[in-house]
């Protein structure tokens, strides 16, 4: 009897282990680019559970002011969307504090990450292939979309993005390091890399989300409110609100509904 009980418990544990494996989102790292200096750039790919059909792909760039940051910063959002059936690709890219690079290099990496992801997951025609980002990552995503890169993009998802380099000041929430990187660009280039006034003209539907206590919202809010854009405003929330544990499910649902409705 004791042997039978042990065997039964072992079988139950094995079945539960298989179910856990089939119902749990996956996560893996993939190299999407090797720089001229031999540096391998990694994307973290969060995938739906094996029993969940993949509904689409979102390539999402982390923030950090082009100065710092990593894909792990958006891991909570990635895992939450993977549970709902969306592949979430979080590319790392070169940043000044770690790599001594500037905004142009970060943009080069964003373009390459987007092209790699489209090629890697091109078999899913008919499903959304979206890009997005948070803060400086939102800037990278919106500039790549504005450039009309030769990659079909169905949606643009921007969480408290930087949208105007021409008006960046310490009062708008930019650090001295971030301002230094912006000032490395010519005035003409800053204007070219400022998508604030052209977002509404993009062919893709655009979702923007800000907290009202974010200096970026205070700088851009009047312009964005007058544009034909999907806008979500979180009262009293600061920059980076989407990573607050109390708001994670709400932000996940917001993004999911946007990808499904548009």
Protein backbone atom coordinates (compact mmCIF):
# COMPACT_ATOMS: atom_id res chain seq x y z
CA UNK A 1 0.00 0.00 0.00
CA UNK A 2 2.80 2.37 0.89
CA UNK A 3 4.55 1.69 -2.44
CA UNK A 4 1.31 2.29 -4.36
CA UNK A 5 0.80 5.56 -2.50
CA UNK A 6 4.32 6.73 -3.31
CA UNK A 7 3.83 5.81 -6.98
CA UNK A 8 0.50 7.67 -7.09
CA UNK A 9 2.02 10.78 -5.54
CA UNK A 10 4.87 10.59 -8.03
CA UNK A 11 2.48 10.34 -10.98
CA UNK A 12 0.43 13.28 -9.72
CA UNK A 13 3.58 15.36 -9.31
CA UNK A 14 4.70 14.45 -12.83
CA UNK A 15 1.33 15.40 -14.32
CA UNK A 16 1.30 18.68 -12.44
CA UNK A 17 4.83 19.36 -13.65
CA UNK A 18 3.82 18.80 -17.27
CA UNK A 19 0.75 21.02 -16.87
CA UNK A 20 2.87 23.74 -15.31
CA UNK A 21 5.27 23.54 -18.24
CA UNK A 22 2.44 23.72 -20.78
CA UNK A 23 0.61 26.58 -19.07
CA UNK A 24 3.55 28.80 -18.06
CA UNK A 25 4.90 31.53 -20.36
CA UNK A 26 8.41 31.00 -21.64
CA UNK A 27 11.41 33.31 -21.73
CA UNK A 28 14.66 33.07 -23.65
CA UNK A 29 17.56 35.25 -24.78
CA UNK A 30 18.55 35.59 -28.42
CA UNK A 31 21.34 37.51 -30.08
CA UNK A 32 19.83 39.85 -32.65
CA UNK A 33 22.98 41.75 -33.61
CA UNK A 34 26.74 41.78 -33.27
CA UNK A 35 28.26 45.25 -33.46
CA UNK A 36 31.39 46.14 -35.41
CA UNK A 37 33.25 46.00 -32.09
CA UNK A 38 32.13 42.39 -31.61
CA UNK A 39 29.52 43.14 -28.95
CA UNK A 40 26.54 40.77 -28.97
CA UNK A 41 23.23 42.51 -28.37
CA UNK A 42 20.55 40.41 -26.73
CA UNK A 43 16.76 40.44 -26.97
CA UNK A 44 14.71 38.78 -24.23
CA UNK A 45 11.76 37.02 -25.85
CA UNK A 46 8.74 36.30 -23.63
CA UNK A 47 6.50 33.69 -25.27
CA UNK A 48 2.95 32.51 -24.54
CA UNK A 49 2.40 29.13 -22.86
CA UNK A 50 2.67 26.18 -25.23
CA UNK A 51 -1.09 25.58 -25.04
CA UNK A 52 -1.86 29.23 -25.78
CA UNK A 53 -2.00 30.33 -29.43
CA UNK A 54 0.27 33.26 -30.26
CA UNK A 55 -1.89 36.29 -31.08
CA UNK A 56 0.84 38.66 -32.23
CA UNK A 57 4.23 40.18 -31.48
CA UNK A 58 5.19 43.38 -29.66
CA UNK A 59 8.79 44.59 -29.95
CA UNK A 60 9.23 46.86 -26.93
CA UNK A 61 12.24 49.02 -26.03
CA UNK A 62 13.14 49.77 -22.43
CA UNK A 63 13.79 53.26 -21.10
CA UNK A 64 16.76 54.77 -19.30
CA UNK A 65 17.39 58.05 -21.09
CA UNK A 66 19.69 56.46 -23.73
CA UNK A 67 22.14 56.43 -20.80
CA UNK A 68 21.28 53.29 -18.87
CA UNK A 69 18.68 50.52 -18.71
CA UNK A 70 18.13 46.91 -19.75
CA UNK A 71 15.38 44.66 -21.13
CA UNK A 72 14.68 43.41 -17.61
CA UNK A 73 13.09 46.79 -16.87
CA UNK A 74 10.04 45.83 -18.92
CA UNK A 75 10.00 42.17 -17.94
CA UNK A 76 6.85 42.42 -15.83
CA UNK A 77 4.87 43.83 -18.75
CA UNK A 78 6.35 41.22 -21.07
CA UNK A 79 5.37 38.31 -18.87
CA UNK A 80 1.88 39.73 -18.33
CA UNK A 81 1.25 40.06 -22.07
CA UNK A 82 2.74 36.63 -22.77
CA UNK A 83 0.12 35.10 -20.48
CA UNK A 84 -2.51 36.71 -22.71
CA UNK A 85 -1.02 35.23 -25.88
CA UNK A 86 1.36 37.91 -27.12
CA UNK A 87 5.02 37.37 -27.89
CA UNK A 88 6.93 40.21 -26.23
CA UNK A 89 10.39 40.97 -27.60
CA UNK A 90 12.53 43.23 -25.38
CA UNK A 91 15.78 44.15 -27.16
CA UNK A 92 18.77 45.47 -25.31
CA UNK A 93 20.56 48.30 -27.08
CA UNK A 94 23.71 50.31 -26.56
CA UNK A 95 23.51 53.04 -23.92
CA UNK A 96 26.01 55.72 -22.96
CA UNK A 97 26.65 54.73 -19.36
CA UNK A 98 27.68 51.20 -20.27
CA UNK A 99 28.88 51.49 -23.87
CA UNK A 100 29.91 55.13 -24.30
CA UNK A 101 27.43 55.56 -27.14
CA UNK A 102 24.79 58.14 -28.02
CA UNK A 103 21.27 58.41 -29.36
CA UNK A 104 22.25 57.60 -32.94
CA UNK A 105 23.75 54.25 -31.94
CA UNK A 106 20.66 53.40 -29.91
CA UNK A 107 18.53 54.16 -32.97
CA UNK A 108 20.73 51.96 -35.16
CA UNK A 109 20.21 49.10 -32.72
CA UNK A 110 16.46 49.70 -32.61
CA UNK A 111 16.21 49.51 -36.40
CA UNK A 112 18.23 46.30 -36.46
CA UNK A 113 16.22 44.75 -33.63
CA UNK A 114 12.99 45.50 -35.46
CA UNK A 115 14.25 43.99 -38.72
CA UNK A 116 15.52 40.89 -36.90
CA UNK A 117 12.25 40.37 -35.06
CA UNK A 118 10.20 40.75 -38.21
CA UNK A 119 12.31 38.15 -39.99
CA UNK A 120 12.34 35.78 -37.03
CA UNK A 121 8.56 35.87 -36.59
CA UNK A 122 7.40 36.53 -40.14
CA UNK A 123 5.35 33.33 -40.39
CA UNK A 124 2.44 34.81 -38.45
CA UNK A 125 0.82 36.84 -41.19
CA UNK A 126 -2.50 38.33 -40.17
CA UNK A 127 -1.50 38.85 -36.54
CA UNK A 128 -0.38 42.20 -35.08
CA UNK A 129 3.28 43.04 -35.39
CA UNK A 130 3.63 46.06 -33.12
CA UNK A 131 6.50 48.11 -31.78
CA UNK A 132 6.65 50.29 -28.73
CA UNK A 133 8.69 51.45 -25.82
CA UNK A 134 8.83 53.33 -22.55
CA UNK A 135 10.40 56.76 -22.04
CA UNK A 136 13.59 56.87 -24.17
CA UNK A 137 12.57 53.48 -25.57
CA UNK A 138 9.32 55.06 -26.68
CA UNK A 139 11.37 57.69 -28.45
CA UNK A 140 13.31 55.00 -30.31
CA UNK A 141 10.11 53.19 -31.34
CA UNK A 142 8.34 56.35 -32.50
CA UNK A 143 11.34 57.56 -34.52
CA UNK A 144 11.68 54.18 -36.24
CA UNK A 145 7.98 54.26 -37.07
CA UNK A 146 8.26 57.87 -38.26
CA UNK A 147 11.10 56.90 -40.58
CA UNK A 148 8.72 54.48 -42.29
CA UNK A 149 11.28 51.69 -42.02
CA UNK A 150 10.90 48.89 -44.55
CA UNK A 151 9.18 46.69 -41.97
CA UNK A 152 5.38 46.39 -41.77
CA UNK A 153 4.24 47.74 -38.38
CA UNK A 154 0.61 47.37 -37.36
CA UNK A 155 0.55 49.28 -34.04
CA UNK A 156 2.63 51.71 -32.00
CA UNK A 157 2.52 51.37 -28.19
CA UNK A 158 4.17 54.23 -26.27
CA UNK A 159 4.34 54.48 -22.46
CA UNK A 160 5.43 57.94 -21.24
CA UNK A 161 7.63 58.39 -24.33
CA UNK A 162 10.11 61.18 -25.01
CA UNK A 163 8.74 62.90 -28.13
CA UNK A 164 10.51 66.23 -28.50
CA UNK A 165 14.28 66.71 -28.26
CA UNK A 166 14.06 70.39 -29.20
CA UNK A 167 12.37 71.34 -25.93
CA UNK A 168 14.25 69.02 -23.54
CA UNK A 169 15.23 70.75 -20.29
CA UNK A 170 15.96 69.80 -16.70
CA UNK A 171 12.55 71.23 -15.84
CA UNK A 172 10.94 68.70 -18.18
CA UNK A 173 12.53 65.88 -16.20
CA UNK A 174 15.72 65.28 -18.19
CA UNK A 175 18.91 64.47 -16.30
CA UNK A 176 22.23 66.15 -17.01
CA UNK A 177 23.45 62.99 -18.74
CA UNK A 178 20.40 62.83 -20.97
CA UNK A 179 20.72 66.49 -21.86
CA UNK A 180 24.37 65.93 -22.72
CA UNK A 181 23.41 63.21 -25.20
CA UNK A 182 20.74 65.42 -26.76
CA UNK A 183 23.17 68.33 -27.04
CA UNK A 184 25.58 66.13 -28.99
CA UNK A 185 23.08 66.31 -31.86
CA UNK A 186 22.82 69.34 -34.12
CA UNK A 187 19.71 71.49 -33.84
CA UNK A 188 18.50 70.19 -37.19
CA UNK A 189 18.99 66.58 -36.12
CA UNK A 190 17.13 67.16 -32.86
CA UNK A 191 14.18 68.41 -34.89
CA UNK A 192 14.34 65.38 -37.18
CA UNK A 193 14.29 63.07 -34.18
CA UNK A 194 11.27 64.74 -32.55
CA UNK A 195 8.07 62.89 -33.54
CA UNK A 196 5.65 64.86 -31.34
CA UNK A 197 3.92 66.72 -34.15
CA UNK A 198 3.78 63.86 -36.66
CA UNK A 199 2.45 60.95 -34.59
CA UNK A 200 -1.10 61.56 -35.75
CA UNK A 201 -0.01 61.29 -39.39
CA UNK A 202 1.48 57.81 -39.05
CA UNK A 203 -0.34 54.99 -40.85
CA UNK A 204 -0.45 52.85 -37.70
CA UNK A 205 -2.84 53.41 -34.80
CA UNK A 206 -0.93 54.91 -31.87
CA UNK A 207 -1.50 54.34 -28.16
CA UNK A 208 0.09 56.78 -25.71
CA UNK A 209 -0.08 56.58 -21.92
CA UNK A 210 1.20 59.11 -19.40
CA UNK A 211 0.78 59.96 -15.75
CA UNK A 212 -0.44 63.47 -15.08
CA UNK A 213 2.45 64.08 -12.63
CA UNK A 214 5.01 63.26 -15.33
CA UNK A 215 6.86 66.38 -16.54
CA UNK A 216 6.68 64.93 -20.06
CA UNK A 217 2.89 64.96 -19.92
CA UNK A 218 2.96 68.54 -18.71
CA UNK A 219 5.20 69.40 -21.68
CA UNK A 220 3.31 67.46 -24.36
CA UNK A 221 -0.21 67.06 -23.00
CA UNK A 222 -1.90 69.96 -24.77
CA UNK A 223 -0.51 68.91 -28.16
CA UNK A 224 -1.33 65.22 -27.72
CA UNK A 225 -4.84 65.92 -26.43
CA UNK A 226 -5.66 67.82 -29.61
CA UNK A 227 -4.37 65.05 -31.91
CA UNK A 228 -6.24 62.04 -33.26
CA UNK A 229 -4.50 59.50 -31.05
CA UNK A 230 -5.50 56.85 -28.53
CA UNK A 231 -4.55 58.52 -25.27
CA UNK A 232 -4.67 57.07 -21.73
CA UNK A 233 -3.92 59.41 -18.83
CA UNK A 234 -3.30 58.12 -15.31
CA UNK A 235 -4.24 60.74 -12.75
CA UNK A 236 -1.52 61.66 -10.27
CA UNK A 237 0.97 59.10 -11.57
CA UNK A 238 4.61 59.87 -12.24
CA UNK A 239 7.05 58.85 -14.95
CA UNK A 240 7.37 55.06 -15.10
CA UNK A 241 3.87 54.50 -13.67
CA UNK A 242 3.38 51.33 -15.73
CA UNK A 243 5.83 49.42 -13.50
CA UNK A 244 3.88 50.17 -10.32
CA UNK A 245 2.53 46.81 -9.07
CA UNK A 246 -0.95 48.25 -8.51
CA UNK A 247 -1.17 49.36 -12.16
CA UNK A 248 0.47 46.47 -14.00
CA UNK A 249 -2.73 44.59 -14.79
CA UNK A 250 -4.47 47.78 -15.90
CA UNK A 251 -1.61 48.67 -18.26
CA UNK A 252 -1.52 45.10 -19.59
CA UNK A 253 -5.25 45.21 -20.30
CA UNK A 254 -4.90 48.61 -21.96
CA UNK A 255 -2.23 47.34 -24.34
CA UNK A 256 -4.04 44.07 -25.01
CA UNK A 257 -7.31 45.84 -25.86
CA UNK A 258 -5.49 48.25 -28.15
CA UNK A 259 -3.84 45.42 -30.07
CA UNK A 260 -7.14 43.57 -30.38
CA UNK A 261 -9.40 46.50 -31.29
CA UNK A 262 -7.32 48.31 -33.89
